[in-house]
Amino acid sequence: MQKYNWNYPTTMWVGENRVNDIAQACENLNILKPLFVTDKGLAETDIVKKTISILKNKKINVELFSNVVGNPTGTNVNEGVESFRKNNCDGVICFGGGSGLDVGKSIAFMSGQSLPIWEFEDVGDNWKKANSEKIAPIIAVPTTAGTGSETGRAAVILNEETGVKKIIFHPKFLPSIVILDPVLTVGLPPKITAATGMDALAHNLEAYCAPGYHPMADGIALEGIKLIDKWLLEAVNNGSNLEARMNMLTAASMGATAFQKGLGAIHSLSHPVNALNNVHHGLSNAIFMPYVLTFNKDVIEKKIIKICDYLELQDRSFNGFINWVLDLRKKLNIPHKLSEVIDEKDFQLDRLSKMALEDPSTGGNPKKLSETDMKIMYQHSMSGNLFN
């Protein structure tokens, strides 16, 4: 496999075994003592141990922080900042899935701030409150192909006190160097490959359907969807296929690049059930996808038909695309109904609907939404009945 370097939206080092260049990335950014941030499970794996040994062999004094959970919390970030400061670190290597990357980016950001992290929620110009000069340099190395956090300027962090996931934003959340190495994703189980792949699809799809004028984001999103159409099933069914893994990593990065245009109700509905019911984010996005699409049909139908044309689907209609989504989910063993992953007794409809309406992603939905709309979409997703 060839190796590539490109610079959009940041410096990207792409290809097989590019993780071997991680010490060079530190050198380029003048990082002498990085905090290596990953999750507890990955911290015990050979790929992390090998990566840390690469750094140590190059005389880079690396510190490991792995207290990161699947739906990362403010506590994870605060403890990471404490470790960063205690060990006099001067940069962060974010290594792993979306949780490790989001926590790592947040630690690099918060290491130089005096205000609480919640002061920088992605609302208005909150990001301008930050001390931009004291944000540590970031290297991002994704090991899943889903969130695309490595090319995003935000992190999703759970506020344990309120039970609400918050999107924390600053332009300098964007890592300075990203390493996309398909070898690091080869051991990902099929179930996680499927869920993270559907997360990447949700990012590209919602970005494309979001209102507003951003042809660059639209073009990236369309190609991202096409890569997922071609490679996701292969990555799930044949996890050792490096070409499939590489294309899915790329599609995930493209999704996060494109969604600067906006997201929508798929994410608005997902974030509350991730926070309150601990459902995997990619899985919930996959479940909500057809319900949100059919709810928005009257304002997105023309765009969806353009996607059909680009994918060269046999049935190039709105229903044809819905059937493509449903068929893909079925082949990936994704549940059709939310009630298959959340028990009715644990489903807090009113609270979830209010949280969904208040989610920052709601503003990017193609159709203006009310709390009643959120409630109706949740009810449809629980029953399995798509909108006509």
Protein backbone atom coordinates (compact mmCIF):
# COMPACT_ATOMS: atom_id res chain seq x y z
CA MET A 1 0.00 0.00 0.00
CA GLN A 2 1.29 3.44 -0.94
CA LYS A 3 1.81 6.13 1.67
CA TYR A 4 0.33 9.58 1.26
CA ASN A 5 0.66 12.97 2.91
CA TRP A 6 -2.04 15.55 2.48
CA ASN A 7 -2.97 18.77 4.22
CA TYR A 8 -6.75 19.01 4.42
CA PRO A 9 -8.15 19.98 6.84
CA THR A 10 -4.87 19.44 8.73
CA THR A 11 -1.61 17.56 8.16
CA MET A 12 -2.53 13.91 7.45
CA TRP A 13 -0.06 11.02 7.23
CA VAL A 14 -1.86 8.15 5.56
CA GLY A 15 -1.00 4.53 4.86
CA GLU A 16 0.12 1.17 6.15
CA ASN A 17 2.40 1.28 9.24
CA ARG A 18 2.42 5.09 9.35
CA VAL A 19 2.22 4.78 13.16
CA ASN A 20 5.97 4.11 12.93
CA ASP A 21 6.32 7.83 12.13
CA ILE A 22 4.83 8.96 15.45
CA ALA A 23 8.16 10.03 16.90
CA GLN A 24 8.73 12.17 13.81
CA ALA A 25 5.33 13.78 14.42
CA CYS A 26 6.43 14.70 17.96
CA GLU A 27 9.67 16.12 16.63
CA ASN A 28 7.83 18.21 14.01
CA LEU A 29 5.67 19.75 16.76
CA ASN A 30 8.52 20.12 19.28
CA ILE A 31 6.82 17.73 21.69
CA LEU A 32 9.39 16.32 24.10
CA LYS A 33 7.11 14.83 26.76
CA PRO A 34 3.69 13.82 25.39
CA LEU A 35 0.74 12.57 27.40
CA PHE A 36 -0.46 9.44 25.57
CA VAL A 37 -4.25 9.33 25.98
CA THR A 38 -6.22 6.17 25.23
CA ASP A 39 -8.93 4.03 26.82
CA LYS A 40 -8.40 1.30 29.42
CA GLY A 41 -8.99 -1.56 26.99
CA LEU A 42 -6.56 -0.30 24.37
CA ALA A 43 -3.92 0.51 26.97
CA GLU A 44 -3.36 -3.23 27.46
CA THR A 45 -3.04 -4.06 23.75
CA ASP A 46 0.07 -4.76 21.73
CA ILE A 47 -0.57 -1.82 19.39
CA VAL A 48 -0.37 0.66 22.26
CA LYS A 49 2.64 -1.04 23.82
CA LYS A 50 4.39 -1.06 20.43
CA THR A 51 3.58 2.60 19.79
CA ILE A 52 4.88 3.66 23.19
CA SER A 53 8.05 1.63 22.63
CA ILE A 54 8.58 3.44 19.29
CA LEU A 55 8.48 6.73 21.19
CA LYS A 56 10.76 5.56 24.00
CA ASN A 57 13.29 4.16 21.53
CA LYS A 58 13.53 7.68 20.11
CA LYS A 59 14.18 9.04 23.62
CA ILE A 60 10.72 10.61 23.89
CA ASN A 61 9.63 10.53 27.52
CA VAL A 62 5.97 9.54 27.17
CA GLU A 63 3.38 9.34 29.97
CA LEU A 64 0.29 7.12 29.66
CA PHE A 65 -3.22 8.19 30.69
CA SER A 66 -6.02 5.66 30.11
CA ASN A 67 -8.87 6.52 32.47
CA VAL A 68 -11.28 7.01 29.57
CA VAL A 69 -14.76 5.45 29.32
CA GLY A 70 -16.93 4.75 26.26
CA ASN A 71 -19.07 7.87 26.73
CA PRO A 72 -16.29 10.12 28.08
CA THR A 73 -16.94 12.36 31.07
CA GLY A 74 -15.76 15.64 32.47
CA THR A 75 -14.06 13.65 35.23
CA ASN A 76 -11.98 11.80 32.60
CA VAL A 77 -10.84 15.16 31.22
CA ASN A 78 -10.10 16.69 34.64
CA GLU A 79 -8.02 13.70 35.72
CA GLY A 80 -6.16 13.80 32.42
CA VAL A 81 -5.37 17.50 32.85
CA GLU A 82 -4.08 16.75 36.35
CA SER A 83 -1.79 14.04 34.92
CA PHE A 84 -0.64 16.39 32.12
CA ARG A 85 0.34 19.11 34.59
CA LYS A 86 1.81 16.77 37.22
CA ASN A 87 4.14 15.21 34.64
CA ASN A 88 5.01 18.52 32.97
CA CYS A 89 3.81 17.29 29.58
CA ASP A 90 4.04 19.55 26.54
CA GLY A 91 1.72 17.83 24.05
CA VAL A 92 -0.94 15.14 23.70
CA ILE A 93 -1.09 12.00 21.59
CA CYS A 94 -4.77 10.96 21.25
CA PHE A 95 -4.91 7.26 20.40
CA GLY A 96 -8.04 5.16 19.94
CA GLY A 97 -11.69 5.54 19.09
CA GLY A 98 -13.82 8.64 19.50
CA SER A 99 -13.68 8.55 23.29
CA GLY A 100 -9.87 8.51 23.48
CA LEU A 101 -9.58 11.19 20.82
CA ASP A 102 -12.20 13.47 22.38
CA VAL A 103 -10.70 13.19 25.86
CA GLY A 104 -7.16 13.69 24.53
CA LYS A 105 -8.15 16.81 22.59
CA SER A 106 -9.98 18.14 25.64
CA ILE A 107 -6.97 17.56 27.89
CA ALA A 108 -4.70 19.45 25.48
CA PHE A 109 -7.23 22.29 25.41
CA MET A 110 -7.99 22.42 29.14
CA SER A 111 -4.34 22.16 30.18
CA GLY A 112 -4.06 25.90 29.62
CA GLN A 113 -7.49 27.07 30.79
CA SER A 114 -8.74 28.38 34.13
CA LEU A 115 -12.49 28.23 33.41
CA PRO A 116 -14.44 24.92 33.69
CA ILE A 117 -14.78 22.93 30.47
CA TRP A 118 -18.54 23.57 30.32
CA GLU A 119 -17.85 27.28 29.74
CA PHE A 120 -16.67 26.31 26.26
CA GLU A 121 -19.84 24.56 25.08
CA ASP A 122 -20.44 25.07 21.37
CA VAL A 123 -22.93 27.90 21.84
CA GLY A 124 -22.42 31.33 20.33
CA ASP A 125 -18.87 32.60 20.77
CA ASN A 126 -18.07 30.68 23.96
CA TRP A 127 -14.82 29.49 22.39
CA LYS A 128 -13.50 33.04 22.50
CA LYS A 129 -13.32 32.80 26.30
CA ALA A 130 -10.37 30.42 25.95
CA ASN A 131 -6.70 31.30 26.28
CA SER A 132 -5.72 30.26 22.76
CA GLU A 133 -2.00 30.63 23.44
CA LYS A 134 -1.95 27.87 26.06
CA ILE A 135 -3.47 24.96 24.11
CA ALA A 136 -1.01 22.08 23.86
CA PRO A 137 -0.17 20.61 20.41
CA ILE A 138 -2.19 17.51 19.47
CA ILE A 139 -1.36 14.37 17.47
CA ALA A 140 -4.36 12.14 16.69
CA VAL A 141 -4.19 8.45 15.79
CA PRO A 142 -7.64 6.87 15.29
CA THR A 143 -8.04 3.11 15.75
CA THR A 144 -11.68 3.04 14.67
CA ALA A 145 -13.32 4.36 11.50
CA GLY A 146 -16.33 6.22 12.81
CA THR A 147 -16.27 9.50 14.71
CA GLY A 148 -13.67 11.25 12.60
CA SER A 149 -12.72 13.17 15.74
CA GLU A 150 -9.19 13.41 14.37
CA THR A 151 -10.38 16.02 11.85
CA GLY A 152 -12.95 17.69 14.10
CA ARG A 153 -12.76 20.96 16.01
CA ALA A 154 -14.92 19.74 18.89
CA ALA A 155 -15.28 17.01 21.50
CA VAL A 156 -18.39 15.41 22.98
CA ILE A 157 -18.10 15.14 26.78
CA LEU A 158 -20.71 13.94 29.30
CA ASN A 159 -21.49 16.26 32.21
CA GLU A 160 -22.14 13.72 34.98
CA GLU A 161 -23.97 16.25 37.15
CA THR A 162 -26.66 16.96 34.55
CA GLY A 163 -26.50 13.69 32.61
CA VAL A 164 -26.21 15.72 29.39
CA LYS A 165 -23.61 15.30 26.65
CA LYS A 166 -22.04 18.64 25.74
CA ILE A 167 -20.22 19.58 22.55
CA ILE A 168 -17.08 21.51 23.48
CA PHE A 169 -15.65 23.59 20.64
CA HIS A 170 -12.51 25.52 19.80
CA PRO A 171 -10.74 25.86 16.42
CA LYS A 172 -7.52 24.58 18.01
CA PHE A 173 -9.19 21.28 18.94
CA LEU A 174 -8.18 20.32 15.40
CA PRO A 175 -5.06 18.13 15.78
CA SER A 176 -1.87 19.41 14.16
CA ILE A 177 -0.89 16.00 12.77
CA VAL A 178 -3.18 13.02 12.09
CA ILE A 179 -1.91 9.50 11.39
CA LEU A 180 -4.34 7.24 9.49
CA ASP A 181 -2.91 3.71 9.68
CA PRO A 182 -5.28 0.90 8.62
CA VAL A 183 -3.17 -1.71 10.42
CA LEU A 184 -4.35 -0.26 13.74
CA THR A 185 -8.00 -1.05 12.88
CA VAL A 186 -7.50 -4.65 11.74
CA GLY A 187 -8.31 -6.16 15.14
CA LEU A 188 -11.58 -4.25 15.50
CA PRO A 189 -14.47 -6.74 15.98
CA PRO A 190 -17.09 -6.88 13.19
CA LYS A 191 -19.81 -5.52 15.49
CA ILE A 192 -17.75 -2.40 16.36
CA THR A 193 -16.59 -2.01 12.75
CA ALA A 194 -20.26 -1.96 11.71
CA ALA A 195 -21.41 0.52 14.36
CA THR A 196 -18.50 2.92 13.82
CA GLY A 197 -18.96 2.67 10.05
CA MET A 198 -22.60 3.67 10.42
CA ASP A 199 -21.46 6.60 12.57
CA ALA A 200 -19.27 7.74 9.67
CA LEU A 201 -22.25 7.36 7.33
CA ALA A 202 -24.44 9.45 9.66
CA HIS A 203 -21.84 12.24 9.68
CA ASN A 204 -21.51 12.39 5.91
CA LEU A 205 -25.25 12.01 5.34
CA GLU A 206 -26.39 14.64 7.82
CA ALA A 207 -23.70 17.06 6.65
CA TYR A 208 -24.92 16.71 3.06
CA CYS A 209 -28.57 17.18 4.04
CA ALA A 210 -27.91 20.14 6.37
CA PRO A 211 -29.24 23.45 5.00
CA GLY A 212 -26.93 26.23 3.92
CA TYR A 213 -24.32 26.85 1.25
CA HIS A 214 -21.10 24.87 1.60
CA PRO A 215 -20.22 23.09 -1.68
CA MET A 216 -16.88 21.88 -0.30
CA ALA A 217 -18.57 20.05 2.57
CA ASP A 218 -21.22 18.66 0.20
CA GLY A 219 -18.59 17.26 -2.15
CA ILE A 220 -16.63 15.64 0.67
CA ALA A 221 -19.81 14.16 2.17
CA LEU A 222 -20.95 12.65 -1.15
CA GLU A 223 -17.61 10.94 -1.73
CA GLY A 224 -17.54 9.80 1.91
CA ILE A 225 -20.93 8.11 1.46
CA LYS A 226 -19.68 6.44 -1.72
CA LEU A 227 -16.60 5.05 0.04
CA ILE A 228 -18.80 3.65 2.81
CA ASP A 229 -21.15 2.08 0.26
CA LYS A 230 -18.19 0.36 -1.39
CA TRP A 231 -16.09 -0.64 1.60
CA LEU A 232 -18.06 -0.95 4.88
CA LEU A 233 -19.44 -4.44 4.32
CA GLU A 234 -16.02 -5.64 3.17
CA ALA A 235 -14.37 -4.18 6.27
CA VAL A 236 -16.93 -5.95 8.47
CA ASN A 237 -16.81 -9.30 6.65
CA ASN A 238 -13.06 -9.34 5.96
CA GLY A 239 -11.41 -7.32 8.70
CA SER A 240 -7.89 -8.04 7.46
CA ASN A 241 -8.51 -6.25 4.14
CA LEU A 242 -6.24 -3.21 4.53
CA GLU A 243 -7.71 -1.44 1.50
CA ALA A 244 -11.19 -1.63 3.02
CA ARG A 245 -9.87 -0.49 6.40
CA MET A 246 -7.99 2.41 4.82
CA ASN A 247 -11.01 3.61 2.87
CA MET A 248 -13.22 3.46 5.95
CA LEU A 249 -10.68 5.47 7.97
CA THR A 250 -10.67 8.04 5.19
CA ALA A 251 -14.49 8.15 5.00
CA ALA A 252 -14.66 8.73 8.76
CA SER A 253 -12.22 11.64 8.56
CA MET A 254 -14.23 13.03 5.65
CA GLY A 255 -17.45 12.88 7.68
CA ALA A 256 -16.02 15.01 10.47
CA THR A 257 -14.54 17.41 7.91
CA ALA A 258 -17.93 17.78 6.20
CA PHE A 259 -20.07 18.21 9.30
CA GLN A 260 -18.68 21.66 9.98
CA LYS A 261 -21.67 22.44 7.75
CA GLY A 262 -24.00 20.94 10.35
CA LEU A 263 -25.56 17.72 11.64
CA GLY A 264 -29.19 17.05 12.51
CA ALA A 265 -31.77 15.03 14.39
CA ILE A 266 -29.96 11.69 14.03
CA HIS A 267 -27.35 13.11 16.40
CA SER A 268 -29.88 15.08 18.47
CA LEU A 269 -31.75 11.86 19.25
CA SER A 270 -28.56 9.87 19.79
CA HIS A 271 -26.72 12.01 22.32
CA PRO A 272 -29.39 11.70 25.07
CA VAL A 273 -29.66 7.90 24.81
CA ASN A 274 -25.85 7.66 24.78
CA ALA A 275 -25.78 9.70 28.01
CA LEU A 276 -28.74 8.18 29.88
CA ASN A 277 -28.83 4.62 28.52
CA ASN A 278 -25.14 4.12 27.63
CA VAL A 279 -25.94 3.02 24.07
CA HIS A 280 -22.98 3.06 21.64
CA HIS A 281 -23.11 6.29 19.64
CA GLY A 282 -22.61 4.68 16.23
CA LEU A 283 -25.27 2.07 16.98
CA SER A 284 -27.85 4.66 18.03
CA ASN A 285 -27.09 6.77 14.94
CA ALA A 286 -27.66 3.70 12.78
CA ILE A 287 -30.98 2.94 14.48
CA PHE A 288 -32.32 6.50 14.22
CA MET A 289 -31.19 7.04 10.62
CA PRO A 290 -34.25 5.89 8.63
CA TYR A 291 -36.72 7.45 11.08
CA VAL A 292 -35.08 10.87 10.81
CA LEU A 293 -34.71 10.61 7.02
CA THR A 294 -38.38 9.77 6.52
CA PHE A 295 -39.42 12.52 8.96
CA ASN A 296 -37.40 15.04 6.91
CA LYS A 297 -38.48 13.63 3.54
CA ASP A 298 -40.38 16.65 2.23
CA VAL A 299 -37.34 18.94 2.55
CA ILE A 300 -34.49 16.56 1.65
CA GLU A 301 -35.97 14.39 -1.12
CA LYS A 302 -34.11 16.12 -3.96
CA LYS A 303 -30.79 15.83 -2.13
CA ILE A 304 -31.39 12.16 -1.37
CA ILE A 305 -32.06 11.47 -5.06
CA LYS A 306 -28.71 13.14 -5.87
CA ILE A 307 -27.05 10.69 -3.47
CA CYS A 308 -28.82 7.84 -5.26
CA ASP A 309 -27.44 9.11 -8.57
CA TYR A 310 -23.92 9.34 -7.17
CA LEU A 311 -24.10 5.84 -5.72
CA GLU A 312 -25.63 4.58 -8.97
CA LEU A 313 -28.41 2.81 -7.09
CA GLN A 314 -30.83 0.77 -9.14
CA ASP A 315 -33.83 2.57 -7.58
CA ARG A 316 -32.92 6.25 -7.66
CA SER A 317 -35.76 7.54 -5.51
CA PHE A 318 -36.20 8.55 -1.87
CA ASN A 319 -37.69 5.15 -1.04
CA GLY A 320 -34.87 3.49 -2.96
CA PHE A 321 -32.35 5.19 -0.66
CA ILE A 322 -34.31 4.24 2.47
CA ASN A 323 -34.30 0.65 1.27
CA TRP A 324 -30.52 0.90 0.72
CA VAL A 325 -30.09 2.06 4.35
CA LEU A 326 -32.39 -0.66 5.68
CA ASP A 327 -30.63 -3.33 3.62
CA LEU A 328 -27.20 -2.15 4.77
CA ARG A 329 -28.30 -2.21 8.42
CA LYS A 330 -29.73 -5.70 7.99
CA LYS A 331 -26.48 -7.00 6.49
CA LEU A 332 -24.60 -5.43 9.40
CA ASN A 333 -26.98 -6.97 11.99
CA ILE A 334 -28.01 -3.50 13.21
CA PRO A 335 -31.33 -3.58 15.13
CA HIS A 336 -34.28 -1.92 13.42
CA LYS A 337 -35.88 -0.65 16.64
CA LEU A 338 -34.53 1.26 19.61
CA SER A 339 -36.59 -1.04 21.83
CA GLU A 340 -34.16 -3.83 20.90
CA VAL A 341 -31.38 -2.07 22.82
CA ILE A 342 -33.33 -0.08 25.46
CA ASP A 343 -35.94 -1.61 27.76
CA GLU A 344 -39.27 0.25 27.78
CA LYS A 345 -39.02 0.78 31.56
CA ASP A 346 -35.68 2.57 31.13
CA PHE A 347 -36.94 4.80 28.32
CA GLN A 348 -37.56 8.33 29.69
CA LEU A 349 -39.46 9.75 26.72
CA ASP A 350 -40.17 13.24 28.07
CA ARG A 351 -36.66 13.79 29.42
CA LEU A 352 -35.01 12.42 26.28
CA SER A 353 -37.18 14.57 24.01
CA LYS A 354 -36.33 17.76 25.92
CA MET A 355 -32.61 16.90 25.84
CA ALA A 356 -32.77 16.13 22.12
CA LEU A 357 -34.39 19.47 21.32
CA GLU A 358 -31.70 21.30 23.30
CA ASP A 359 -28.84 19.40 21.63
CA PRO A 360 -26.57 21.62 19.48
CA SER A 361 -27.05 19.30 16.49
CA THR A 362 -30.76 20.19 16.33
CA GLY A 363 -30.07 23.54 14.67
CA GLY A 364 -28.59 21.80 11.63
CA ASN A 365 -31.63 19.64 10.93
CA PRO A 366 -33.17 20.41 7.51
CA LYS A 367 -36.62 20.80 9.09
CA LYS A 368 -37.27 23.02 12.13
CA LEU A 369 -38.00 20.81 15.15
CA SER A 370 -40.14 20.98 18.28
CA GLU A 371 -40.09 18.87 21.43
CA THR A 372 -43.20 17.11 20.10
CA ASP A 373 -41.32 16.22 16.90
CA MET A 374 -38.53 14.67 18.96
CA LYS A 375 -41.05 12.71 20.97
CA ILE A 376 -42.72 11.40 17.81
CA MET A 377 -39.39 10.32 16.27
CA TYR A 378 -38.44 8.52 19.49
CA GLN A 379 -41.81 6.76 19.53
CA HIS A 380 -41.43 5.65 15.91
CA SER A 381 -37.94 4.36 16.58
CA MET A 382 -39.19 2.36 19.56
CA SER A 383 -42.11 0.84 17.60
CA GLY A 384 -40.24 0.34 14.34
CA ASN A 385 -42.81 2.20 12.24
CA LEU A 386 -41.29 4.49 9.62
CA PHE A 387 -43.05 7.72 8.63
CA ASN A 388 -45.08 7.52 5.42
